[in-house]
Amino acid sequence: MTYKPKFANEDMDLLFDAVLSLENKDECYRFFEDLCTIKEIQDMAQRFKVAHLLDQKTPYHQIVTETHASTATISRVNKALIYGADGYKTILNKTRKP
């Protein structure tokens, strides 16, 4: 691992190894449904949608309308896109449709 996260520990490694072992969307749904509350999953999905829309240069007011995210959430995601660990950018690049 070349990136050194501030919060890394054995428990986090165990969790991320589990996520990396998931083989398909069905396994993801099952694992995350057991691991997280529905609200937590929805919040993560909303933040990723916000990141996707910010990456497409969508204006804040349109993101609010489309996702119902607060402007604080949008700002937090935008800050992560600009100053974060490039996690959003990595996944956005991998999932971007040509």
PDB file of N, CA and C in Angstrom:
ATOM      1  N   MET A   1       0.866  -1.177   0.000  1.00  0.00           N
ATOM      2  CA  MET A   1       0.000   0.000   0.000  1.00  0.00           C
ATOM      3  C   MET A   1       0.907   1.232   0.000  1.00  0.00           C
ATOM      4  N   THR A   2       0.769   2.074  -1.012  1.00  0.00           N
ATOM      5  CA  THR A   2       1.602   3.269  -1.111  1.00  0.00           C
ATOM      6  C   THR A   2       0.985   4.454  -0.383  1.00  0.00           C
ATOM      7  N   TYR A   3      -0.324   4.524  -0.309  1.00  0.00           N
ATOM      8  CA  TYR A   3      -1.012   5.602   0.405  1.00  0.00           C
ATOM      9  C   TYR A   3      -1.103   5.234   1.874  1.00  0.00           C
ATOM     10  N   LYS A   4      -0.774   6.162   2.741  1.00  0.00           N
ATOM     11  CA  LYS A   4      -0.837   5.932   4.189  1.00  0.00           C
ATOM     12  C   LYS A   4      -1.985   6.738   4.790  1.00  0.00           C
ATOM     13  N   PRO A   5      -3.153   6.101   4.979  1.00  0.00           N
ATOM     14  CA  PRO A   5      -4.282   6.823   5.576  1.00  0.00           C
ATOM     15  C   PRO A   5      -4.022   7.129   7.051  1.00  0.00           C
ATOM     16  N   LYS A   6      -4.649   8.197   7.513  1.00  0.00           N
ATOM     17  CA  LYS A   6      -4.485   8.627   8.901  1.00  0.00           C
ATOM     18  C   LYS A   6      -5.158   7.680   9.880  1.00  0.00           C
ATOM     19  N   PHE A   7      -6.144   6.938   9.422  1.00  0.00           N
ATOM     20  CA  PHE A   7      -6.947   6.117  10.328  1.00  0.00           C
ATOM     21  C   PHE A   7      -6.703   4.617  10.161  1.00  0.00           C
ATOM     22  N   ALA A   8      -5.660   4.236   9.469  1.00  0.00           N
ATOM     23  CA  ALA A   8      -5.398   2.822   9.200  1.00  0.00           C
ATOM     24  C   ALA A   8      -5.141   2.042  10.489  1.00  0.00           C
ATOM     25  N   ASN A   9      -5.720   0.849  10.544  1.00  0.00           N
ATOM     26  CA  ASN A   9      -5.439  -0.089  11.626  1.00  0.00           C
ATOM     27  C   ASN A   9      -5.861  -1.481  11.159  1.00  0.00           C
ATOM     28  N   GLU A  10      -5.616  -2.480  11.964  1.00  0.00           N
ATOM     29  CA  GLU A  10      -5.914  -3.859  11.568  1.00  0.00           C
ATOM     30  C   GLU A  10      -7.402  -4.075  11.303  1.00  0.00           C
ATOM     31  N   ASP A  11      -8.271  -3.448  12.088  1.00  0.00           N
ATOM     32  CA  ASP A  11      -9.712  -3.600  11.890  1.00  0.00           C
ATOM     33  C   ASP A  11     -10.148  -3.024  10.545  1.00  0.00           C
ATOM     34  N   MET A  12      -9.587  -1.857  10.197  1.00  0.00           N
ATOM     35  CA  MET A  12      -9.910  -1.248   8.904  1.00  0.00           C
ATOM     36  C   MET A  12      -9.389  -2.115   7.758  1.00  0.00           C
ATOM     37  N   ASP A  13      -8.180  -2.659   7.925  1.00  0.00           N
ATOM     38  CA  ASP A  13      -7.629  -3.553   6.905  1.00  0.00           C
ATOM     39  C   ASP A  13      -8.535  -4.756   6.703  1.00  0.00           C
ATOM     40  N   LEU A  14      -9.050  -5.314   7.782  1.00  0.00           N
ATOM     41  CA  LEU A  14      -9.957  -6.458   7.693  1.00  0.00           C
ATOM     42  C   LEU A  14     -11.219  -6.088   6.920  1.00  0.00           C
ATOM     43  N   LEU A  15     -11.778  -4.915   7.221  1.00  0.00           N
ATOM     44  CA  LEU A  15     -12.973  -4.446   6.519  1.00  0.00           C
ATOM     45  C   LEU A  15     -12.691  -4.254   5.028  1.00  0.00           C
ATOM     46  N   PHE A  16     -11.603  -3.562   4.695  1.00  0.00           N
ATOM     47  CA  PHE A  16     -11.314  -3.284   3.289  1.00  0.00           C
ATOM     48  C   PHE A  16     -10.945  -4.553   2.533  1.00  0.00           C
ATOM     49  N   ASP A  17     -10.286  -5.495   3.185  1.00  0.00           N
ATOM     50  CA  ASP A  17     -10.022  -6.785   2.542  1.00  0.00           C
ATOM     51  C   ASP A  17     -11.340  -7.499   2.238  1.00  0.00           C
ATOM     52  N   ALA A  18     -12.304  -7.383   3.157  1.00  0.00           N
ATOM     53  CA  ALA A  18     -13.620  -7.988   2.924  1.00  0.00           C
ATOM     54  C   ALA A  18     -14.298  -7.336   1.718  1.00  0.00           C
ATOM     55  N   VAL A  19     -14.266  -6.008   1.641  1.00  0.00           N
ATOM     56  CA  VAL A  19     -14.879  -5.292   0.517  1.00  0.00           C
ATOM     57  C   VAL A  19     -14.205  -5.705  -0.791  1.00  0.00           C
ATOM     58  N   LEU A  20     -12.886  -5.796  -0.772  1.00  0.00           N
ATOM     59  CA  LEU A  20     -12.161  -6.177  -1.984  1.00  0.00           C
ATOM     60  C   LEU A  20     -12.444  -7.609  -2.423  1.00  0.00           C
ATOM     61  N   SER A  21     -12.924  -8.436  -1.510  1.00  0.00           N
ATOM     62  CA  SER A  21     -13.228  -9.827  -1.872  1.00  0.00           C
ATOM     63  C   SER A  21     -14.604  -9.985  -2.519  1.00  0.00           C
ATOM     64  N   LEU A  22     -15.440  -8.951  -2.453  1.00  0.00           N
ATOM     65  CA  LEU A  22     -16.773  -9.029  -3.051  1.00  0.00           C
ATOM     66  C   LEU A  22     -16.639  -9.169  -4.564  1.00  0.00           C
ATOM     67  N   GLU A  23     -17.432 -10.065  -5.142  1.00  0.00           N
ATOM     68  CA  GLU A  23     -17.254 -10.394  -6.556  1.00  0.00           C
ATOM     69  C   GLU A  23     -18.317  -9.814  -7.477  1.00  0.00           C
ATOM     70  N   ASN A  24     -19.444  -9.378  -6.929  1.00  0.00           N
ATOM     71  CA  ASN A  24     -20.494  -8.858  -7.805  1.00  0.00           C
ATOM     72  C   ASN A  24     -21.431  -7.953  -7.006  1.00  0.00           C
ATOM     73  N   LYS A  25     -22.347  -7.330  -7.716  1.00  0.00           N
ATOM     74  CA  LYS A  25     -23.260  -6.377  -7.086  1.00  0.00           C
ATOM     75  C   LYS A  25     -24.154  -7.056  -6.041  1.00  0.00           C
ATOM     76  N   ASP A  26     -24.584  -8.279  -6.314  1.00  0.00           N
ATOM     77  CA  ASP A  26     -25.420  -9.011  -5.360  1.00  0.00           C
ATOM     78  C   ASP A  26     -24.683  -9.179  -4.027  1.00  0.00           C
ATOM     79  N   GLU A  27     -23.413  -9.577  -4.084  1.00  0.00           N
ATOM     80  CA  GLU A  27     -22.626  -9.719  -2.856  1.00  0.00           C
ATOM     81  C   GLU A  27     -22.464  -8.376  -2.154  1.00  0.00           C
ATOM     82  N   CYS A  28     -22.296  -7.302  -2.925  1.00  0.00           N
ATOM     83  CA  CYS A  28     -22.190  -5.967  -2.328  1.00  0.00           C
ATOM     84  C   CYS A  28     -23.461  -5.597  -1.590  1.00  0.00           C
ATOM     85  N   TYR A  29     -24.606  -5.780  -2.242  1.00  0.00           N
ATOM     86  CA  TYR A  29     -25.878  -5.475  -1.581  1.00  0.00           C
ATOM     87  C   TYR A  29     -26.022  -6.266  -0.287  1.00  0.00           C
ATOM     88  N   ARG A  30     -25.733  -7.560  -0.337  1.00  0.00           N
ATOM     89  CA  ARG A  30     -25.892  -8.405   0.846  1.00  0.00           C
ATOM     90  C   ARG A  30     -24.962  -7.978   1.985  1.00  0.00           C
ATOM     91  N   PHE A  31     -23.692  -7.739   1.654  1.00  0.00           N
ATOM     92  CA  PHE A  31     -22.717  -7.368   2.674  1.00  0.00           C
ATOM     93  C   PHE A  31     -23.054  -6.022   3.298  1.00  0.00           C
ATOM     94  N   PHE A  32     -23.310  -5.022   2.452  1.00  0.00           N
ATOM     95  CA  PHE A  32     -23.577  -3.685   2.982  1.00  0.00           C
ATOM     96  C   PHE A  32     -24.909  -3.628   3.726  1.00  0.00           C
ATOM     97  N   GLU A  33     -25.888  -4.406   3.301  1.00  0.00           N
ATOM     98  CA  GLU A  33     -27.161  -4.438   4.034  1.00  0.00           C
ATOM     99  C   GLU A  33     -26.969  -4.993   5.439  1.00  0.00           C
ATOM    100  N   ASP A  34     -26.084  -5.980   5.570  1.00  0.00           N
ATOM    101  CA  ASP A  34     -25.801  -6.534   6.893  1.00  0.00           C
ATOM    102  C   ASP A  34     -24.896  -5.608   7.715  1.00  0.00           C
ATOM    103  N   LEU A  35     -23.968  -4.933   7.061  1.00  0.00           N
ATOM    104  CA  LEU A  35     -22.968  -4.125   7.742  1.00  0.00           C
ATOM    105  C   LEU A  35     -23.493  -2.760   8.176  1.00  0.00           C
ATOM    106  N   CYS A  36     -24.288  -2.131   7.325  1.00  0.00           N
ATOM    107  CA  CYS A  36     -24.707  -0.740   7.532  1.00  0.00           C
ATOM    108  C   CYS A  36     -26.223  -0.647   7.675  1.00  0.00           C
ATOM    109  N   THR A  37     -26.665   0.487   8.205  1.00  0.00           N
ATOM    110  CA  THR A  37     -28.094   0.761   8.166  1.00  0.00           C
ATOM    111  C   THR A  37     -28.448   1.203   6.747  1.00  0.00           C
ATOM    112  N   ILE A  38     -29.715   1.114   6.403  1.00  0.00           N
ATOM    113  CA  ILE A  38     -30.162   1.571   5.089  1.00  0.00           C
ATOM    114  C   ILE A  38     -29.812   3.049   4.907  1.00  0.00           C
ATOM    115  N   LYS A  39     -29.987   3.836   5.957  1.00  0.00           N
ATOM    116  CA  LYS A  39     -29.677   5.262   5.892  1.00  0.00           C
ATOM    117  C   LYS A  39     -28.196   5.498   5.603  1.00  0.00           C
ATOM    118  N   GLU A  40     -27.315   4.732   6.239  1.00  0.00           N
ATOM    119  CA  GLU A  40     -25.884   4.876   5.978  1.00  0.00           C
ATOM    120  C   GLU A  40     -25.544   4.564   4.520  1.00  0.00           C
ATOM    121  N   ILE A  41     -26.143   3.515   3.991  1.00  0.00           N
ATOM    122  CA  ILE A  41     -25.911   3.152   2.588  1.00  0.00           C
ATOM    123  C   ILE A  41     -26.449   4.246   1.668  1.00  0.00           C
ATOM    124  N   GLN A  42     -27.640   4.739   1.969  1.00  0.00           N
ATOM    125  CA  GLN A  42     -28.228   5.810   1.154  1.00  0.00           C
ATOM    126  C   GLN A  42     -27.367   7.068   1.213  1.00  0.00           C
ATOM    127  N   ASP A  43     -26.839   7.389   2.383  1.00  0.00           N
ATOM    128  CA  ASP A  43     -25.980   8.567   2.522  1.00  0.00           C
ATOM    129  C   ASP A  43     -24.703   8.418   1.694  1.00  0.00           C
ATOM    130  N   MET A  44     -24.100   7.233   1.719  1.00  0.00           N
ATOM    131  CA  MET A  44     -22.896   7.010   0.913  1.00  0.00           C
ATOM    132  C   MET A  44     -23.211   7.105  -0.572  1.00  0.00           C
ATOM    133  N   ALA A  45     -24.336   6.527  -0.975  1.00  0.00           N
ATOM    134  CA  ALA A  45     -24.741   6.592  -2.376  1.00  0.00           C
ATOM    135  C   ALA A  45     -24.996   8.036  -2.795  1.00  0.00           C
ATOM    136  N   GLN A  46     -25.626   8.801  -1.910  1.00  0.00           N
ATOM    137  CA  GLN A  46     -25.888  10.211  -2.213  1.00  0.00           C
ATOM    138  C   GLN A  46     -24.580  10.976  -2.376  1.00  0.00           C
ATOM    139  N   ARG A  47     -23.629  10.760  -1.489  1.00  0.00           N
ATOM    140  CA  ARG A  47     -22.349  11.469  -1.590  1.00  0.00           C
ATOM    141  C   ARG A  47     -21.618  11.105  -2.880  1.00  0.00           C
ATOM    142  N   PHE A  48     -21.688   9.840  -3.274  1.00  0.00           N
ATOM    143  CA  PHE A  48     -21.027   9.465  -4.520  1.00  0.00           C
ATOM    144  C   PHE A  48     -21.738  10.084  -5.718  1.00  0.00           C
ATOM    145  N   LYS A  49     -23.058  10.148  -5.679  1.00  0.00           N
ATOM    146  CA  LYS A  49     -23.813  10.814  -6.749  1.00  0.00           C
ATOM    147  C   LYS A  49     -23.428  12.286  -6.819  1.00  0.00           C
ATOM    148  N   VAL A  50     -23.296  12.933  -5.665  1.00  0.00           N
ATOM    149  CA  VAL A  50     -22.869  14.333  -5.621  1.00  0.00           C
ATOM    150  C   VAL A  50     -21.480  14.461  -6.252  1.00  0.00           C
ATOM    151  N   ALA A  51     -20.568  13.568  -5.906  1.00  0.00           N
ATOM    152  CA  ALA A  51     -19.219  13.611  -6.491  1.00  0.00           C
ATOM    153  C   ALA A  51     -19.291  13.456  -8.004  1.00  0.00           C
ATOM    154  N   HIS A  52     -20.121  12.549  -8.453  1.00  0.00           N
ATOM    155  CA  HIS A  52     -20.304  12.331  -9.898  1.00  0.00           C
ATOM    156  C   HIS A  52     -20.801  13.608 -10.578  1.00  0.00           C
ATOM    157  N   LEU A  53     -21.793  14.239  -9.982  1.00  0.00           N
ATOM    158  CA  LEU A  53     -22.354  15.457 -10.569  1.00  0.00           C
ATOM    159  C   LEU A  53     -21.349  16.616 -10.515  1.00  0.00           C
ATOM    160  N   LEU A  54     -20.605  16.736  -9.417  1.00  0.00           N
ATOM    161  CA  LEU A  54     -19.575  17.774  -9.339  1.00  0.00           C
ATOM    162  C   LEU A  54     -18.501  17.545 -10.400  1.00  0.00           C
ATOM    163  N   ASP A  55     -18.155  16.292 -10.609  1.00  0.00           N
ATOM    164  CA  ASP A  55     -17.167  15.943 -11.633  1.00  0.00           C
ATOM    165  C   ASP A  55     -17.640  16.355 -13.024  1.00  0.00           C
ATOM    166  N   GLN A  56     -18.962  16.364 -13.215  1.00  0.00           N
ATOM    167  CA  GLN A  56     -19.543  16.783 -14.494  1.00  0.00           C
ATOM    168  C   GLN A  56     -19.789  18.294 -14.547  1.00  0.00           C
ATOM    169  N   LYS A  57     -19.301  18.995 -13.520  1.00  0.00           N
ATOM    170  CA  LYS A  57     -19.435  20.459 -13.434  1.00  0.00           C
ATOM    171  C   LYS A  57     -20.890  20.914 -13.298  1.00  0.00           C
ATOM    172  N   THR A  58     -21.714  20.102 -12.665  1.00  0.00           N
ATOM    173  CA  THR A  58     -23.120  20.434 -12.430  1.00  0.00           C
ATOM    174  C   THR A  58     -23.203  21.518 -11.356  1.00  0.00           C
ATOM    175  N   PRO A  59     -24.002  22.561 -11.561  1.00  0.00           N
ATOM    176  CA  PRO A  59     -24.142  23.623 -10.551  1.00  0.00           C
ATOM    177  C   PRO A  59     -24.771  23.093  -9.248  1.00  0.00           C
ATOM    178  N   TYR A  60     -24.382  23.707  -8.130  1.00  0.00           N
ATOM    179  CA  TYR A  60     -24.887  23.301  -6.820  1.00  0.00           C
ATOM    180  C   TYR A  60     -26.405  23.228  -6.787  1.00  0.00           C
ATOM    181  N   HIS A  61     -27.083  24.254  -7.298  1.00  0.00           N
ATOM    182  CA  HIS A  61     -28.547  24.272  -7.186  1.00  0.00           C
ATOM    183  C   HIS A  61     -29.169  23.082  -7.920  1.00  0.00           C
ATOM    184  N   GLN A  62     -28.569  22.654  -9.008  1.00  0.00           N
ATOM    185  CA  GLN A  62     -29.081  21.489  -9.736  1.00  0.00           C
ATOM    186  C   GLN A  62     -28.794  20.194  -8.960  1.00  0.00           C
ATOM    187  N   ILE A  63     -27.626  20.136  -8.295  1.00  0.00           N
ATOM    188  CA  ILE A  63     -27.292  18.963  -7.482  1.00  0.00           C
ATOM    189  C   ILE A  63     -28.264  18.835  -6.318  1.00  0.00           C
ATOM    190  N   VAL A  64     -28.586  19.967  -5.685  1.00  0.00           N
ATOM    191  CA  VAL A  64     -29.561  19.959  -4.582  1.00  0.00           C
ATOM    192  C   VAL A  64     -30.895  19.415  -5.076  1.00  0.00           C
ATOM    193  N   THR A  65     -31.348  19.903  -6.219  1.00  0.00           N
ATOM    194  CA  THR A  65     -32.629  19.466  -6.780  1.00  0.00           C
ATOM    195  C   THR A  65     -32.617  17.978  -7.111  1.00  0.00           C
ATOM    196  N   GLU A  66     -31.534  17.522  -7.716  1.00  0.00           N
ATOM    197  CA  GLU A  66     -31.466  16.133  -8.179  1.00  0.00           C
ATOM    198  C   GLU A  66     -31.227  15.131  -7.061  1.00  0.00           C
ATOM    199  N   THR A  67     -30.417  15.496  -6.068  1.00  0.00           N
ATOM    200  CA  THR A  67     -30.031  14.530  -5.033  1.00  0.00           C
ATOM    201  C   THR A  67     -30.672  14.777  -3.672  1.00  0.00           C
ATOM    202  N   HIS A  68     -31.206  15.971  -3.458  1.00  0.00           N
ATOM    203  CA  HIS A  68     -31.738  16.405  -2.160  1.00  0.00           C
ATOM    204  C   HIS A  68     -30.642  16.485  -1.093  1.00  0.00           C
ATOM    205  N   ALA A  69     -29.393  16.538  -1.532  1.00  0.00           N
ATOM    206  CA  ALA A  69     -28.278  16.715  -0.600  1.00  0.00           C
ATOM    207  C   ALA A  69     -28.262  18.166  -0.132  1.00  0.00           C
ATOM    208  N   SER A  70     -27.806  18.368   1.088  1.00  0.00           N
ATOM    209  CA  SER A  70     -27.671  19.733   1.597  1.00  0.00           C
ATOM    210  C   SER A  70     -26.457  20.391   0.932  1.00  0.00           C
ATOM    211  N   THR A  71     -26.456  21.709   0.958  1.00  0.00           N
ATOM    212  CA  THR A  71     -25.295  22.416   0.408  1.00  0.00           C
ATOM    213  C   THR A  71     -24.047  22.103   1.233  1.00  0.00           C
ATOM    214  N   ALA A  72     -24.205  21.811   2.521  1.00  0.00           N
ATOM    215  CA  ALA A  72     -23.066  21.429   3.362  1.00  0.00           C
ATOM    216  C   ALA A  72     -22.465  20.106   2.881  1.00  0.00           C
ATOM    217  N   THR A  73     -23.321  19.141   2.531  1.00  0.00           N
ATOM    218  CA  THR A  73     -22.842  17.855   2.010  1.00  0.00           C
ATOM    219  C   THR A  73     -22.139  18.066   0.675  1.00  0.00           C
ATOM    220  N   ILE A  74     -22.721  18.875  -0.176  1.00  0.00           N
ATOM    221  CA  ILE A  74     -22.119  19.139  -1.485  1.00  0.00           C
ATOM    222  C   ILE A  74     -20.761  19.799  -1.300  1.00  0.00           C
ATOM    223  N   SER A  75     -20.677  20.756  -0.409  1.00  0.00           N
ATOM    224  CA  SER A  75     -19.402  21.435  -0.138  1.00  0.00           C
ATOM    225  C   SER A  75     -18.362  20.469   0.415  1.00  0.00           C
ATOM    226  N   ARG A  76     -18.789  19.588   1.314  1.00  0.00           N
ATOM    227  CA  ARG A  76     -17.864  18.610   1.903  1.00  0.00           C
ATOM    228  C   ARG A  76     -17.328  17.668   0.832  1.00  0.00           C
ATOM    229  N   VAL A  77     -18.200  17.202  -0.055  1.00  0.00           N
ATOM    230  CA  VAL A  77     -17.762  16.324  -1.142  1.00  0.00           C
ATOM    231  C   VAL A  77     -16.829  17.082  -2.078  1.00  0.00           C
ATOM    232  N   ASN A  78     -17.183  18.323  -2.400  1.00  0.00           N
ATOM    233  CA  ASN A  78     -16.335  19.136  -3.278  1.00  0.00           C
ATOM    234  C   ASN A  78     -14.951  19.340  -2.663  1.00  0.00           C
ATOM    235  N   LYS A  79     -14.910  19.573  -1.355  1.00  0.00           N
ATOM    236  CA  LYS A  79     -13.628  19.739  -0.663  1.00  0.00           C
ATOM    237  C   LYS A  79     -12.807  18.453  -0.767  1.00  0.00           C
ATOM    238  N   ALA A  80     -13.461  17.305  -0.621  1.00  0.00           N
ATOM    239  CA  ALA A  80     -12.755  16.024  -0.750  1.00  0.00           C
ATOM    240  C   ALA A  80     -12.234  15.828  -2.173  1.00  0.00           C
ATOM    241  N   LEU A  81     -13.011  16.261  -3.159  1.00  0.00           N
ATOM    242  CA  LEU A  81     -12.559  16.157  -4.551  1.00  0.00           C
ATOM    243  C   LEU A  81     -11.326  17.017  -4.802  1.00  0.00           C
ATOM    244  N   ILE A  82     -11.267  18.168  -4.170  1.00  0.00           N
ATOM    245  CA  ILE A  82     -10.162  19.102  -4.402  1.00  0.00           C
ATOM    246  C   ILE A  82      -8.952  18.782  -3.520  1.00  0.00           C
ATOM    247  N   TYR A  83      -9.192  18.544  -2.224  1.00  0.00           N
ATOM    248  CA  TYR A  83      -8.095  18.429  -1.267  1.00  0.00           C
ATOM    249  C   TYR A  83      -7.947  17.041  -0.647  1.00  0.00           C
ATOM    250  N   GLY A  84      -8.809  16.108  -1.019  1.00  0.00           N
ATOM    251  CA  GLY A  84      -8.836  14.807  -0.364  1.00  0.00           C
ATOM    252  C   GLY A  84      -7.748  13.854  -0.823  1.00  0.00           C
ATOM    253  N   ALA A  85      -7.972  12.591  -0.546  1.00  0.00           N
ATOM    254  CA  ALA A  85      -6.993  11.537  -0.811  1.00  0.00           C
ATOM    255  C   ALA A  85      -7.122  10.958  -2.222  1.00  0.00           C
ATOM    256  N   ASP A  86      -7.924  11.594  -3.058  1.00  0.00           N
ATOM    257  CA  ASP A  86      -8.161  11.170  -4.449  1.00  0.00           C
ATOM    258  C   ASP A  86      -8.970   9.879  -4.566  1.00  0.00           C
ATOM    259  N   GLY A  87      -9.647   9.505  -3.496  1.00  0.00           N
ATOM    260  CA  GLY A  87     -10.502   8.320  -3.555  1.00  0.00           C
ATOM    261  C   GLY A  87     -11.665   8.497  -4.510  1.00  0.00           C
ATOM    262  N   TYR A  88     -12.356   9.631  -4.405  1.00  0.00           N
ATOM    263  CA  TYR A  88     -13.454   9.904  -5.335  1.00  0.00           C
ATOM    264  C   TYR A  88     -12.931   9.925  -6.766  1.00  0.00           C
ATOM    265  N   LYS A  89     -11.823  10.637  -6.985  1.00  0.00           N
ATOM    266  CA  LYS A  89     -11.280  10.772  -8.338  1.00  0.00           C
ATOM    267  C   LYS A  89     -10.923   9.413  -8.935  1.00  0.00           C
ATOM    268  N   THR A  90     -10.344   8.538  -8.125  1.00  0.00           N
ATOM    269  CA  THR A  90      -9.966   7.209  -8.601  1.00  0.00           C
ATOM    270  C   THR A  90     -11.186   6.444  -9.086  1.00  0.00           C
ATOM    271  N   ILE A  91     -12.248   6.438  -8.281  1.00  0.00           N
ATOM    272  CA  ILE A  91     -13.448   5.688  -8.646  1.00  0.00           C
ATOM    273  C   ILE A  91     -14.191   6.366  -9.787  1.00  0.00           C
ATOM    274  N   LEU A  92     -14.242   7.690  -9.785  1.00  0.00           N
ATOM    275  CA  LEU A  92     -14.900   8.392 -10.889  1.00  0.00           C
ATOM    276  C   LEU A  92     -14.205   8.085 -12.212  1.00  0.00           C
ATOM    277  N   ASN A  93     -12.875   8.044 -12.198  1.00  0.00           N
ATOM    278  CA  ASN A  93     -12.138   7.709 -13.421  1.00  0.00           C
ATOM    279  C   ASN A  93     -12.408   6.273 -13.864  1.00  0.00           C
ATOM    280  N   LYS A  94     -12.534   5.370 -12.905  1.00  0.00           N
ATOM    281  CA  LYS A  94     -12.783   3.964 -13.235  1.00  0.00           C
ATOM    282  C   LYS A  94     -14.202   3.723 -13.728  1.00  0.00           C
ATOM    283  N   THR A  95     -15.142   4.537 -13.274  1.00  0.00           N
ATOM    284  CA  THR A  95     -16.552   4.300 -13.608  1.00  0.00           C
ATOM    285  C   THR A  95     -17.077   5.266 -14.674  1.00  0.00           C
ATOM    286  N   ARG A  96     -16.248   6.186 -15.115  1.00  0.00           N
ATOM    287  CA  ARG A  96     -16.677   7.186 -16.116  1.00  0.00           C
ATOM    288  C   ARG A  96     -16.995   6.474 -17.416  1.00  0.00           C
ATOM    289  N   LYS A  97     -18.151   6.812 -17.962  1.00  0.00           N
ATOM    290  CA  LYS A  97     -18.569   6.235 -19.235  1.00  0.00           C
ATOM    291  C   LYS A  97     -18.020   7.071 -20.371  1.00  0.00           C
ATOM    292  N   PRO A  98     -17.484   6.421 -21.410  1.00  0.00           N
ATOM    293  CA  PRO A  98     -16.893   7.170 -22.532  1.00  0.00           C
ATOM    294  C   PRO A  98     -17.886   8.001 -23.287  1.00  0.00           C
TER     295      PRO A  98
END
